[in-house]
PDB file of N, CA and C in Angstrom:
ATOM      1  N   UNK A   1      70.075 -99.449 241.508  1.00  0.00           N
ATOM      2  CA  UNK A   1      71.427 -98.507 241.129  1.00  0.00           C
ATOM      3  C   UNK A   1      71.252 -97.462 241.806  1.00  0.00           C
ATOM      4  N   UNK A   2      72.296 -96.810 242.557  1.00  0.00           N
ATOM      5  CA  UNK A   2      71.998 -95.487 243.191  1.00  0.00           C
ATOM      6  C   UNK A   2      72.768 -94.390 242.223  1.00  0.00           C
ATOM      7  N   UNK A   3      73.510 -94.753 241.533  1.00  0.00           N
ATOM      8  CA  UNK A   3      73.998 -93.348 240.598  1.00  0.00           C
ATOM      9  C   UNK A   3      73.417 -93.433 238.948  1.00  0.00           C
ATOM     10  N   UNK A   4      72.563 -94.263 238.818  1.00  0.00           N
ATOM     11  CA  UNK A   4      71.860 -94.392 237.602  1.00  0.00           C
ATOM     12  C   UNK A   4      70.978 -93.067 237.140  1.00  0.00           C
ATOM     13  N   UNK A   5      70.901 -93.012 236.036  1.00  0.00           N
ATOM     14  CA  UNK A   5      69.775 -91.576 235.760  1.00  0.00           C
ATOM     15  C   UNK A   5      68.278 -91.947 236.103  1.00  0.00           C
ATOM     16  N   UNK A   6      67.842 -93.172 236.057  1.00  0.00           N
ATOM     17  CA  UNK A   6      66.622 -93.542 236.557  1.00  0.00           C
ATOM     18  C   UNK A   6      66.284 -93.084 238.145  1.00  0.00           C
ATOM     19  N   UNK A   7      67.375 -93.293 238.831  1.00  0.00           N
ATOM     20  CA  UNK A   7      67.196 -93.202 240.159  1.00  0.00           C
ATOM     21  C   UNK A   7      67.501 -91.440 240.484  1.00  0.00           C
ATOM     22  N   UNK A   8      67.865 -90.785 239.706  1.00  0.00           N
ATOM     23  CA  UNK A   8      67.925 -89.560 240.280  1.00  0.00           C
ATOM     24  C   UNK A   8      66.803 -88.721 240.655  1.00  0.00           C
ATOM     25  N   UNK A   9      66.606 -88.005 241.860  1.00  0.00           N
ATOM     26  CA  UNK A   9      65.287 -87.408 242.134  1.00  0.00           C
ATOM     27  C   UNK A   9      65.561 -85.962 242.123  1.00  0.00           C
ATOM     28  N   UNK A  10      64.424 -85.422 241.846  1.00  0.00           N
ATOM     29  CA  UNK A  10      64.593 -83.778 241.730  1.00  0.00           C
ATOM     30  C   UNK A  10      63.423 -83.397 242.355  1.00  0.00           C
ATOM     31  N   UNK A  11      63.661 -82.128 243.037  1.00  0.00           N
ATOM     32  CA  UNK A  11      62.322 -81.651 243.754  1.00  0.00           C
ATOM     33  C   UNK A  11      61.523 -80.980 242.691  1.00  0.00           C
ATOM     34  N   UNK A  12      60.409 -80.692 242.948  1.00  0.00           N
ATOM     35  CA  UNK A  12      59.324 -80.190 241.784  1.00  0.00           C
ATOM     36  C   UNK A  12      59.630 -78.929 241.546  1.00  0.00           C
ATOM     37  N   UNK A  13      59.486 -78.369 240.303  1.00  0.00           N
ATOM     38  CA  UNK A  13      59.918 -76.956 239.717  1.00  0.00           C
ATOM     39  C   UNK A  13      59.117 -75.931 240.615  1.00  0.00           C
ATOM     40  N   UNK A  14      59.732 -74.975 240.980  1.00  0.00           N
ATOM     41  CA  UNK A  14      58.929 -73.685 241.495  1.00  0.00           C
ATOM     42  C   UNK A  14      58.690 -73.880 242.950  1.00  0.00           C
ATOM     43  N   UNK A  15      59.315 -75.018 243.590  1.00  0.00           N
ATOM     44  CA  UNK A  15      59.251 -75.041 245.019  1.00  0.00           C
ATOM     45  C   UNK A  15      60.433 -75.535 245.494  1.00  0.00           C
ATOM     46  N   UNK A  16      60.773 -74.945 246.920  1.00  0.00           N
ATOM     47  CA  UNK A  16      61.910 -75.299 247.550  1.00  0.00           C
ATOM     48  C   UNK A  16      61.895 -76.915 248.107  1.00  0.00           C
ATOM     49  N   UNK A  17      62.847 -77.499 248.508  1.00  0.00           N
ATOM     50  CA  UNK A  17      63.020 -78.801 249.016  1.00  0.00           C
ATOM     51  C   UNK A  17      62.284 -79.038 250.451  1.00  0.00           C
ATOM     52  N   UNK A  18      62.249 -78.089 251.261  1.00  0.00           N
ATOM     53  CA  UNK A  18      61.599 -77.802 252.394  1.00  0.00           C
ATOM     54  C   UNK A  18      60.442 -76.775 252.512  1.00  0.00           C
ATOM     55  N   UNK A  19      59.424 -76.969 251.931  1.00  0.00           N
ATOM     56  CA  UNK A  19      58.207 -76.199 251.893  1.00  0.00           C
ATOM     57  C   UNK A  19      57.456 -76.434 253.014  1.00  0.00           C
ATOM     58  N   UNK A  20      57.181 -75.293 254.114  1.00  0.00           N
ATOM     59  CA  UNK A  20      56.684 -75.376 255.290  1.00  0.00           C
ATOM     60  C   UNK A  20      54.986 -75.855 255.088  1.00  0.00           C
ATOM     61  N   UNK A  21      54.512 -75.480 254.018  1.00  0.00           N
ATOM     62  CA  UNK A  21      52.983 -75.715 253.681  1.00  0.00           C
ATOM     63  C   UNK A  21      52.731 -76.985 253.313  1.00  0.00           C
ATOM     64  N   UNK A  22      53.639 -77.787 252.615  1.00  0.00           N
ATOM     65  CA  UNK A  22      53.244 -79.082 252.390  1.00  0.00           C
ATOM     66  C   UNK A  22      54.704 -79.876 251.936  1.00  0.00           C
ATOM     67  N   UNK A  23      54.503 -81.167 252.352  1.00  0.00           N
ATOM     68  CA  UNK A  23      55.531 -81.916 252.100  1.00  0.00           C
ATOM     69  C   UNK A  23      55.871 -81.828 250.603  1.00  0.00           C
ATOM     70  N   UNK A  24      57.524 -82.069 250.429  1.00  0.00           N
ATOM     71  CA  UNK A  24      57.684 -82.110 249.150  1.00  0.00           C
ATOM     72  C   UNK A  24      57.739 -83.229 248.413  1.00  0.00           C
ATOM     73  N   UNK A  25      57.332 -83.298 247.397  1.00  0.00           N
ATOM     74  CA  UNK A  25      57.330 -84.790 246.772  1.00  0.00           C
ATOM     75  C   UNK A  25      58.195 -84.794 245.642  1.00  0.00           C
ATOM     76  N   UNK A  26      59.404 -85.729 245.566  1.00  0.00           N
ATOM     77  CA  UNK A  26      60.267 -85.396 244.358  1.00  0.00           C
ATOM     78  C   UNK A  26      59.806 -86.010 243.207  1.00  0.00           C
ATOM     79  N   UNK A  27      60.359 -85.253 242.101  1.00  0.00           N
ATOM     80  CA  UNK A  27      59.876 -85.808 240.902  1.00  0.00           C
ATOM     81  C   UNK A  27      61.092 -86.859 240.273  1.00  0.00           C
ATOM     82  N   UNK A  28      60.684 -87.800 239.764  1.00  0.00           N
ATOM     83  CA  UNK A  28      61.540 -88.727 239.007  1.00  0.00           C
ATOM     84  C   UNK A  28      61.989 -88.410 237.779  1.00  0.00           C
ATOM     85  N   UNK A  29      63.165 -88.183 237.435  1.00  0.00           N
ATOM     86  CA  UNK A  29      63.624 -87.973 235.942  1.00  0.00           C
ATOM     87  C   UNK A  29      64.005 -89.360 235.319  1.00  0.00           C
ATOM     88  N   UNK A  30      63.202 -89.290 234.268  1.00  0.00           N
ATOM     89  CA  UNK A  30      63.351 -90.702 233.584  1.00  0.00           C
ATOM     90  C   UNK A  30      64.138 -90.360 232.266  1.00  0.00           C
ATOM     91  N   UNK A  31      64.850 -91.075 231.583  1.00  0.00           N
ATOM     92  CA  UNK A  31      65.546 -90.890 230.355  1.00  0.00           C
ATOM     93  C   UNK A  31      64.232 -91.213 229.527  1.00  0.00           C
ATOM     94  N   UNK A  32      64.366 -90.298 228.252  1.00  0.00           N
ATOM     95  CA  UNK A  32      63.368 -90.777 227.201  1.00  0.00           C
ATOM     96  C   UNK A  32      63.599 -92.017 226.492  1.00  0.00           C
ATOM     97  N   UNK A  33      62.627 -92.917 226.401  1.00  0.00           N
ATOM     98  CA  UNK A  33      62.679 -94.163 225.789  1.00  0.00           C
ATOM     99  C   UNK A  33      62.458 -94.215 224.281  1.00  0.00           C
ATOM    100  N   UNK A  34      63.305 -94.845 223.705  1.00  0.00           N
ATOM    101  CA  UNK A  34      63.181 -95.057 222.160  1.00  0.00           C
ATOM    102  C   UNK A  34      62.775 -96.314 221.857  1.00  0.00           C
ATOM    103  N   UNK A  35      61.960 -96.613 221.037  1.00  0.00           N
ATOM    104  CA  UNK A  35      61.386 -97.861 220.625  1.00  0.00           C
ATOM    105  C   UNK A  35      62.085 -98.004 219.233  1.00  0.00           C
ATOM    106  N   UNK A  36      62.943 -98.763 219.352  1.00  0.00           N
ATOM    107  CA  UNK A  36      63.961 -99.348 218.121  1.00  0.00           C
ATOM    108  C   UNK A  36      63.141-100.207 217.289  1.00  0.00           C
ATOM    109  N   UNK A  37      63.784-100.350 216.131  1.00  0.00           N
ATOM    110  CA  UNK A  37      63.233-101.281 215.157  1.00  0.00           C
ATOM    111  C   UNK A  37      63.074-102.748 215.645  1.00  0.00           C
ATOM    112  N   UNK A  38      64.256-103.057 216.151  1.00  0.00           N
ATOM    113  CA  UNK A  38      64.329-104.290 216.669  1.00  0.00           C
ATOM    114  C   UNK A  38      63.537-104.520 217.983  1.00  0.00           C
ATOM    115  N   UNK A  39      63.172-103.829 218.526  1.00  0.00           N
ATOM    116  CA  UNK A  39      62.428-103.940 219.650  1.00  0.00           C
ATOM    117  C   UNK A  39      60.786-104.098 219.310  1.00  0.00           C
ATOM    118  N   UNK A  40      60.278-103.055 218.251  1.00  0.00           N
ATOM    119  CA  UNK A  40      59.128-103.477 217.461  1.00  0.00           C
ATOM    120  C   UNK A  40      58.786-104.918 216.995  1.00  0.00           C
ATOM    121  N   UNK A  41      60.078-105.326 216.145  1.00  0.00           N
ATOM    122  CA  UNK A  41      59.687-106.606 215.635  1.00  0.00           C
ATOM    123  C   UNK A  41      59.800-107.639 216.752  1.00  0.00           C
ATOM    124  N   UNK A  42      60.385-107.499 217.821  1.00  0.00           N
ATOM    125  CA  UNK A  42      60.149-108.631 218.815  1.00  0.00           C
ATOM    126  C   UNK A  42      58.951-108.586 219.348  1.00  0.00           C
ATOM    127  N   UNK A  43      58.443-107.508 219.803  1.00  0.00           N
ATOM    128  CA  UNK A  43      57.176-107.381 220.132  1.00  0.00           C
ATOM    129  C   UNK A  43      56.252-107.888 219.239  1.00  0.00           C
ATOM    130  N   UNK A  44      55.956-107.569 217.949  1.00  0.00           N
ATOM    131  CA  UNK A  44      55.320-108.266 217.066  1.00  0.00           C
ATOM    132  C   UNK A  44      55.516-109.722 217.069  1.00  0.00           C
ATOM    133  N   UNK A  45      56.580-110.042 216.873  1.00  0.00           N
ATOM    134  CA  UNK A  45      56.966-111.635 217.208  1.00  0.00           C
ATOM    135  C   UNK A  45      56.308-112.319 218.094  1.00  0.00           C
ATOM    136  N   UNK A  46      56.191-111.640 218.998  1.00  0.00           N
ATOM    137  CA  UNK A  46      55.849-112.420 220.469  1.00  0.00           C
ATOM    138  C   UNK A  46      54.359-112.201 220.675  1.00  0.00           C
ATOM    139  N   UNK A  47      53.781-111.094 219.969  1.00  0.00           N
ATOM    140  CA  UNK A  47      52.179-111.174 219.892  1.00  0.00           C
ATOM    141  C   UNK A  47      51.915-112.123 218.778  1.00  0.00           C
ATOM    142  N   UNK A  48      52.714-112.519 217.711  1.00  0.00           N
ATOM    143  CA  UNK A  48      52.383-113.441 216.803  1.00  0.00           C
ATOM    144  C   UNK A  48      52.268-114.841 217.450  1.00  0.00           C
ATOM    145  N   UNK A  49      53.284-115.056 218.118  1.00  0.00           N
ATOM    146  CA  UNK A  49      53.421-116.711 218.910  1.00  0.00           C
ATOM    147  C   UNK A  49      52.277-116.557 219.881  1.00  0.00           C
ATOM    148  N   UNK A  50      51.782-115.576 220.508  1.00  0.00           N
ATOM    149  CA  UNK A  50      50.884-115.800 221.495  1.00  0.00           C
ATOM    150  C   UNK A  50      49.480-115.833 221.105  1.00  0.00           C
ATOM    151  N   UNK A  51      49.426-115.158 220.126  1.00  0.00           N
ATOM    152  CA  UNK A  51      47.574-114.960 219.735  1.00  0.00           C
ATOM    153  C   UNK A  51      46.958-116.135 219.374  1.00  0.00           C
ATOM    154  N   UNK A  52      47.817-117.012 218.603  1.00  0.00           N
ATOM    155  CA  UNK A  52      46.979-118.294 218.192  1.00  0.00           C
ATOM    156  C   UNK A  52      46.430-119.098 219.423  1.00  0.00           C
ATOM    157  N   UNK A  53      47.671-119.278 220.506  1.00  0.00           N
ATOM    158  CA  UNK A  53      47.333-119.884 221.877  1.00  0.00           C
ATOM    159  C   UNK A  53      46.052-119.100 222.518  1.00  0.00           C
ATOM    160  N   UNK A  54      46.076-117.949 222.601  1.00  0.00           N
ATOM    161  CA  UNK A  54      44.897-117.093 223.130  1.00  0.00           C
ATOM    162  C   UNK A  54      43.704-117.349 222.458  1.00  0.00           C
ATOM    163  N   UNK A  55      43.552-117.436 221.200  1.00  0.00           N
ATOM    164  CA  UNK A  55      42.578-117.482 220.305  1.00  0.00           C
ATOM    165  C   UNK A  55      41.923-118.886 220.454  1.00  0.00           C
ATOM    166  N   UNK A  56      42.836-120.048 220.499  1.00  0.00           N
ATOM    167  CA  UNK A  56      42.312-121.292 220.436  1.00  0.00           C
ATOM    168  C   UNK A  56      41.904-121.435 221.888  1.00  0.00           C
ATOM    169  N   UNK A  57      42.327-120.962 222.865  1.00  0.00           N
ATOM    170  CA  UNK A  57      42.012-121.276 224.469  1.00  0.00           C
ATOM    171  C   UNK A  57      40.570-120.754 224.488  1.00  0.00           C
ATOM    172  N   UNK A  58      40.109-119.809 223.797  1.00  0.00           N
ATOM    173  CA  UNK A  58      38.905-119.098 224.056  1.00  0.00           C
ATOM    174  C   UNK A  58      37.885-120.140 223.597  1.00  0.00           C
ATOM    175  N   UNK A  59      36.603-120.518 224.482  1.00  0.00           N
ATOM    176  CA  UNK A  59      35.690-121.211 223.778  1.00  0.00           C
ATOM    177  C   UNK A  59      34.652-120.571 222.979  1.00  0.00           C
ATOM    178  N   UNK A  60      34.512-121.484 222.051  1.00  0.00           N
ATOM    179  CA  UNK A  60      33.793-120.914 220.805  1.00  0.00           C
ATOM    180  C   UNK A  60      32.238-121.413 220.954  1.00  0.00           C
ATOM    181  N   UNK A  61      31.448-120.348 220.875  1.00  0.00           N
ATOM    182  CA  UNK A  61      30.065-120.819 221.180  1.00  0.00           C
ATOM    183  C   UNK A  61      29.564-121.719 220.262  1.00  0.00           C
ATOM    184  N   UNK A  62      28.723-122.760 220.966  1.00  0.00           N
ATOM    185  CA  UNK A  62      27.825-123.643 220.114  1.00  0.00           C
ATOM    186  C   UNK A  62      26.941-122.931 219.001  1.00  0.00           C
ATOM    187  N   UNK A  63      27.000-123.353 217.823  1.00  0.00           N
ATOM    188  CA  UNK A  63      25.881-122.897 216.785  1.00  0.00           C
ATOM    189  C   UNK A  63      24.673-123.073 217.328  1.00  0.00           C
ATOM    190  N   UNK A  64      23.885-122.250 217.407  1.00  0.00           N
ATOM    191  CA  UNK A  64      22.534-122.599 217.791  1.00  0.00           C
ATOM    192  C   UNK A  64      21.570-123.108 216.586  1.00  0.00           C
ATOM    193  N   UNK A  65      20.226-123.360 216.837  1.00  0.00           N
ATOM    194  CA  UNK A  65      19.582-123.930 215.794  1.00  0.00           C
ATOM    195  C   UNK A  65      19.425-122.836 214.815  1.00  0.00           C
ATOM    196  N   UNK A  66      19.392-121.475 215.331  1.00  0.00           N
ATOM    197  CA  UNK A  66      19.055-120.267 214.475  1.00  0.00           C
ATOM    198  C   UNK A  66      20.117-120.232 213.414  1.00  0.00           C
ATOM    199  N   UNK A  67      21.492-120.413 213.739  1.00  0.00           N
ATOM    200  CA  UNK A  67      22.524-119.983 213.070  1.00  0.00           C
ATOM    201  C   UNK A  67      22.938-121.195 211.821  1.00  0.00           C
ATOM    202  N   UNK A  68      22.068-122.597 211.857  1.00  0.00           N
ATOM    203  CA  UNK A  68      21.974-123.504 210.718  1.00  0.00           C
ATOM    204  C   UNK A  68      21.228-123.285 209.797  1.00  0.00           C
ATOM    205  N   UNK A  69      20.580-121.975 209.473  1.00  0.00           N
ATOM    206  CA  UNK A  69      19.515-121.815 208.584  1.00  0.00           C
ATOM    207  C   UNK A  69      19.685-122.378 207.347  1.00  0.00           C
ATOM    208  N   UNK A  70      20.791-122.454 206.821  1.00  0.00           N
ATOM    209  CA  UNK A  70      20.955-123.229 205.437  1.00  0.00           C
ATOM    210  C   UNK A  70      20.861-124.529 205.699  1.00  0.00           C
ATOM    211  N   UNK A  71      21.220-125.352 206.629  1.00  0.00           N
ATOM    212  CA  UNK A  71      20.995-126.641 206.833  1.00  0.00           C
ATOM    213  C   UNK A  71      19.396-127.164 206.987  1.00  0.00           C
ATOM    214  N   UNK A  72      19.102-126.132 207.927  1.00  0.00           N
ATOM    215  CA  UNK A  72      17.540-126.520 208.069  1.00  0.00           C
ATOM    216  C   UNK A  72      16.772-126.117 206.593  1.00  0.00           C
ATOM    217  N   UNK A  73      16.933-125.370 205.991  1.00  0.00           N
ATOM    218  CA  UNK A  73      16.259-124.880 204.655  1.00  0.00           C
ATOM    219  C   UNK A  73      16.711-126.186 203.588  1.00  0.00           C
ATOM    220  N   UNK A  74      17.802-126.695 203.548  1.00  0.00           N
ATOM    221  CA  UNK A  74      18.295-127.946 202.926  1.00  0.00           C
ATOM    222  C   UNK A  74      17.360-128.908 203.174  1.00  0.00           C
ATOM    223  N   UNK A  75      17.358-129.130 204.984  1.00  0.00           N
ATOM    224  CA  UNK A  75      16.736-130.476 205.145  1.00  0.00           C
ATOM    225  C   UNK A  75      15.144-130.436 204.513  1.00  0.00           C
ATOM    226  N   UNK A  76      14.576-129.400 204.768  1.00  0.00           N
ATOM    227  CA  UNK A  76      13.114-129.178 204.558  1.00  0.00           C
ATOM    228  C   UNK A  76      12.996-129.292 202.854  1.00  0.00           C
ATOM    229  N   UNK A  77      13.853-128.776 202.042  1.00  0.00           N
ATOM    230  CA  UNK A  77      14.042-129.055 200.691  1.00  0.00           C
ATOM    231  C   UNK A  77      14.082-130.521 200.388  1.00  0.00           C
ATOM    232  N   UNK A  78      15.154-131.244 200.900  1.00  0.00           N
ATOM    233  CA  UNK A  78      14.951-132.547 201.010  1.00  0.00           C
ATOM    234  C   UNK A  78      13.690-133.325 201.103  1.00  0.00           C
ATOM    235  N   UNK A  79      13.014-132.922 202.082  1.00  0.00           N
ATOM    236  CA  UNK A  79      11.783-133.542 202.798  1.00  0.00           C
ATOM    237  C   UNK A  79      10.781-133.403 201.772  1.00  0.00           C
ATOM    238  N   UNK A  80      10.714-132.258 201.010  1.00  0.00           N
ATOM    239  CA  UNK A  80       9.385-131.554 199.861  1.00  0.00           C
ATOM    240  C   UNK A  80      10.076-132.545 198.739  1.00  0.00           C
ATOM    241  N   UNK A  81      11.336-132.830 198.458  1.00  0.00           N
ATOM    242  CA  UNK A  81      11.486-133.428 197.223  1.00  0.00           C
ATOM    243  C   UNK A  81      11.254-135.216 197.513  1.00  0.00           C
ATOM    244  N   UNK A  82      11.307-135.689 198.556  1.00  0.00           N
ATOM    245  CA  UNK A  82      10.956-136.843 198.876  1.00  0.00           C
ATOM    246  C   UNK A  82       9.432-136.879 198.638  1.00  0.00           C
ATOM    247  N   UNK A  83       8.591-136.209 199.255  1.00  0.00           N
ATOM    248  CA  UNK A  83       7.134-136.206 199.280  1.00  0.00           C
ATOM    249  C   UNK A  83       6.967-136.144 197.531  1.00  0.00           C
ATOM    250  N   UNK A  84       7.257-135.273 196.716  1.00  0.00           N
ATOM    251  CA  UNK A  84       7.183-135.207 195.369  1.00  0.00           C
ATOM    252  C   UNK A  84       7.408-136.532 194.778  1.00  0.00           C
ATOM    253  N   UNK A  85       8.606-137.174 195.079  1.00  0.00           N
ATOM    254  CA  UNK A  85       9.050-138.259 194.271  1.00  0.00           C
ATOM    255  C   UNK A  85       8.267-139.362 194.794  1.00  0.00           C
ATOM    256  N   UNK A  86       7.544-139.377 195.970  1.00  0.00           N
ATOM    257  CA  UNK A  86       6.500-140.387 196.544  1.00  0.00           C
ATOM    258  C   UNK A  86       5.031-140.164 195.661  1.00  0.00           C
ATOM    259  N   UNK A  87       4.766-138.913 195.316  1.00  0.00           N
ATOM    260  CA  UNK A  87       3.826-139.074 194.666  1.00  0.00           C
ATOM    261  C   UNK A  87       3.710-139.119 193.043  1.00  0.00           C
ATOM    262  N   UNK A  88       4.881-139.005 192.531  1.00  0.00           N
ATOM    263  CA  UNK A  88       5.242-139.265 191.455  1.00  0.00           C
ATOM    264  C   UNK A  88       4.657-140.496 190.696  1.00  0.00           C
ATOM    265  N   UNK A  89       4.202-140.479 189.409  1.00  0.00           N
ATOM    266  CA  UNK A  89       3.756-141.920 188.929  1.00  0.00           C
ATOM    267  C   UNK A  89       4.682-142.774 188.351  1.00  0.00           C
ATOM    268  N   UNK A  90       4.578-144.083 188.181  1.00  0.00           N
ATOM    269  CA  UNK A  90       5.329-145.179 187.657  1.00  0.00           C
ATOM    270  C   UNK A  90       6.778-144.983 188.072  1.00  0.00           C
ATOM    271  N   UNK A  91       7.607-145.848 187.710  1.00  0.00           N
ATOM    272  CA  UNK A  91       8.756-145.912 188.444  1.00  0.00           C
ATOM    273  C   UNK A  91      10.062-145.413 187.457  1.00  0.00           C
ATOM    274  N   UNK A  92       9.527-144.860 186.282  1.00  0.00           N
ATOM    275  CA  UNK A  92      10.772-144.175 185.604  1.00  0.00           C
ATOM    276  C   UNK A  92      11.801-145.044 185.175  1.00  0.00           C
ATOM    277  N   UNK A  93      11.716-146.343 184.965  1.00  0.00           N
ATOM    278  CA  UNK A  93      12.945-147.193 184.577  1.00  0.00           C
ATOM    279  C   UNK A  93      13.860-147.444 185.850  1.00  0.00           C
ATOM    280  N   UNK A  94      13.154-147.329 187.097  1.00  0.00           N
ATOM    281  CA  UNK A  94      14.042-147.517 188.207  1.00  0.00           C
ATOM    282  C   UNK A  94      14.653-146.041 188.866  1.00  0.00           C
ATOM    283  N   UNK A  95      14.521-145.281 187.893  1.00  0.00           N
ATOM    284  CA  UNK A  95      14.992-143.573 188.354  1.00  0.00           C
ATOM    285  C   UNK A  95      14.303-143.151 189.652  1.00  0.00           C
ATOM    286  N   UNK A  96      13.076-143.403 189.847  1.00  0.00           N
ATOM    287  CA  UNK A  96      12.418-142.729 190.738  1.00  0.00           C
ATOM    288  C   UNK A  96      12.763-143.241 192.238  1.00  0.00           C
ATOM    289  N   UNK A  97      12.879-144.690 192.151  1.00  0.00           N
ATOM    290  CA  UNK A  97      13.430-145.261 193.318  1.00  0.00           C
ATOM    291  C   UNK A  97      14.711-145.057 193.914  1.00  0.00           C
ATOM    292  N   UNK A  98      15.627-144.871 192.753  1.00  0.00           N
ATOM    293  CA  UNK A  98      16.730-144.585 193.220  1.00  0.00           C
ATOM    294  C   UNK A  98      17.072-143.161 193.515  1.00  0.00           C
ATOM    295  N   UNK A  99      16.268-142.148 192.974  1.00  0.00           N
ATOM    296  CA  UNK A  99      16.363-140.840 193.593  1.00  0.00           C
ATOM    297  C   UNK A  99      15.530-141.077 195.133  1.00  0.00           C
ATOM    298  N   UNK A 100      14.639-141.765 195.397  1.00  0.00           N
ATOM    299  CA  UNK A 100      14.068-141.675 196.791  1.00  0.00           C
ATOM    300  C   UNK A 100      15.328-142.275 197.598  1.00  0.00           C
ATOM    301  N   UNK A 101      15.978-143.166 197.146  1.00  0.00           N
ATOM    302  CA  UNK A 101      16.977-143.678 198.268  1.00  0.00           C
ATOM    303  C   UNK A 101      18.280-142.671 198.322  1.00  0.00           C
ATOM    304  N   UNK A 102      18.472-142.088 197.398  1.00  0.00           N
ATOM    305  CA  UNK A 102      19.462-140.902 197.481  1.00  0.00           C
ATOM    306  C   UNK A 102      19.009-139.840 198.147  1.00  0.00           C
ATOM    307  N   UNK A 103      17.727-139.557 198.170  1.00  0.00           N
ATOM    308  CA  UNK A 103      17.125-138.358 198.830  1.00  0.00           C
ATOM    309  C   UNK A 103      17.234-138.609 200.343  1.00  0.00           C
ATOM    310  N   UNK A 104      16.852-139.895 200.680  1.00  0.00           N
ATOM    311  CA  UNK A 104      16.834-140.471 201.986  1.00  0.00           C
ATOM    312  C   UNK A 104      17.960-140.424 202.806  1.00  0.00           C
ATOM    313  N   UNK A 105      19.154-140.673 201.729  1.00  0.00           N
ATOM    314  CA  UNK A 105      20.706-140.591 202.509  1.00  0.00           C
ATOM    315  C   UNK A 105      21.032-139.047 202.669  1.00  0.00           C
ATOM    316  N   UNK A 106      20.328-138.257 201.637  1.00  0.00           N
ATOM    317  CA  UNK A 106      20.737-136.879 201.976  1.00  0.00           C
ATOM    318  C   UNK A 106      20.152-136.379 203.064  1.00  0.00           C
ATOM    319  N   UNK A 107      18.877-136.751 203.425  1.00  0.00           N
ATOM    320  CA  UNK A 107      18.411-136.403 204.680  1.00  0.00           C
ATOM    321  C   UNK A 107      18.919-137.005 205.896  1.00  0.00           C
ATOM    322  N   UNK A 108      19.266-138.009 205.838  1.00  0.00           N
ATOM    323  CA  UNK A 108      20.377-138.425 207.038  1.00  0.00           C
ATOM    324  C   UNK A 108      21.528-137.658 207.188  1.00  0.00           C
ATOM    325  N   UNK A 109      22.027-137.739 206.101  1.00  0.00           N
ATOM    326  CA  UNK A 109      23.477-136.735 206.235  1.00  0.00           C
ATOM    327  C   UNK A 109      23.363-135.485 206.946  1.00  0.00           C
ATOM    328  N   UNK A 110      22.243-134.638 206.183  1.00  0.00           N
ATOM    329  CA  UNK A 110      22.096-133.366 206.505  1.00  0.00           C
ATOM    330  C   UNK A 110      21.486-133.448 207.993  1.00  0.00           C
ATOM    331  N   UNK A 111      20.647-134.354 208.517  1.00  0.00           N
ATOM    332  CA  UNK A 111      20.215-134.299 210.179  1.00  0.00           C
ATOM    333  C   UNK A 111      21.735-134.520 210.956  1.00  0.00           C
ATOM    334  N   UNK A 112      22.495-135.346 210.483  1.00  0.00           N
ATOM    335  CA  UNK A 112      23.760-135.848 210.959  1.00  0.00           C
ATOM    336  C   UNK A 112      24.666-134.298 211.269  1.00  0.00           C
ATOM    337  N   UNK A 113      24.580-133.822 209.796  1.00  0.00           N
ATOM    338  CA  UNK A 113      25.420-132.396 209.944  1.00  0.00           C
ATOM    339  C   UNK A 113      25.052-131.533 211.053  1.00  0.00           C
ATOM    340  N   UNK A 114      23.651-131.261 211.230  1.00  0.00           N
ATOM    341  CA  UNK A 114      23.160-130.387 212.031  1.00  0.00           C
ATOM    342  C   UNK A 114      23.326-131.024 213.511  1.00  0.00           C
ATOM    343  N   UNK A 115      23.098-132.264 213.845  1.00  0.00           N
ATOM    344  CA  UNK A 115      23.484-132.648 214.980  1.00  0.00           C
ATOM    345  C   UNK A 115      25.125-132.628 215.528  1.00  0.00           C
ATOM    346  N   UNK A 116      25.775-132.645 214.596  1.00  0.00           N
ATOM    347  CA  UNK A 116      27.367-132.671 214.785  1.00  0.00           C
ATOM    348  C   UNK A 116      27.599-131.285 215.090  1.00  0.00           C
ATOM    349  N   UNK A 117      27.031-130.221 214.334  1.00  0.00           N
ATOM    350  CA  UNK A 117      27.355-128.725 214.525  1.00  0.00           C
ATOM    351  C   UNK A 117      26.657-128.338 215.629  1.00  0.00           C
ATOM    352  N   UNK A 118      25.853-129.030 216.415  1.00  0.00           N
ATOM    353  CA  UNK A 118      25.142-128.383 217.596  1.00  0.00           C
ATOM    354  C   UNK A 118      25.953-128.913 218.714  1.00  0.00           C
ATOM    355  N   UNK A 119      26.567-130.080 218.332  1.00  0.00           N
ATOM    356  CA  UNK A 119      27.392-130.368 219.833  1.00  0.00           C
ATOM    357  C   UNK A 119      28.723-130.153 219.823  1.00  0.00           C
ATOM    358  N   UNK A 120      29.361-129.262 218.646  1.00  0.00           N
ATOM    359  CA  UNK A 120      30.754-128.817 218.531  1.00  0.00           C
ATOM    360  C   UNK A 120      30.643-127.220 218.475  1.00  0.00           C
TER     361      UNK A 120
END
């Protein structure tokens, strides 16, 4: 647009349009921009819509073995419990055997959880 305020050119202040020492560089006069409430709300809405997609597209690092300290500690505690149950005397009315089955199941599930987290 030829006549719009954005396209008006003015010579730099303090110099003439035809300076013999150096060429004149025109100064662009831009009207002051105002950020309205509507513009700010629209911008925040667009960021809110785009942000989840951007975050989801970022690859998340696979948890390393060091990041699963609680799972590894639980696994060691379960193995220790199994050793103590193996060394315990008598059957205790079937409860020791049942506890061994449950501890073995817990060990299997804990190992599966560690393996799952390492692959995802």
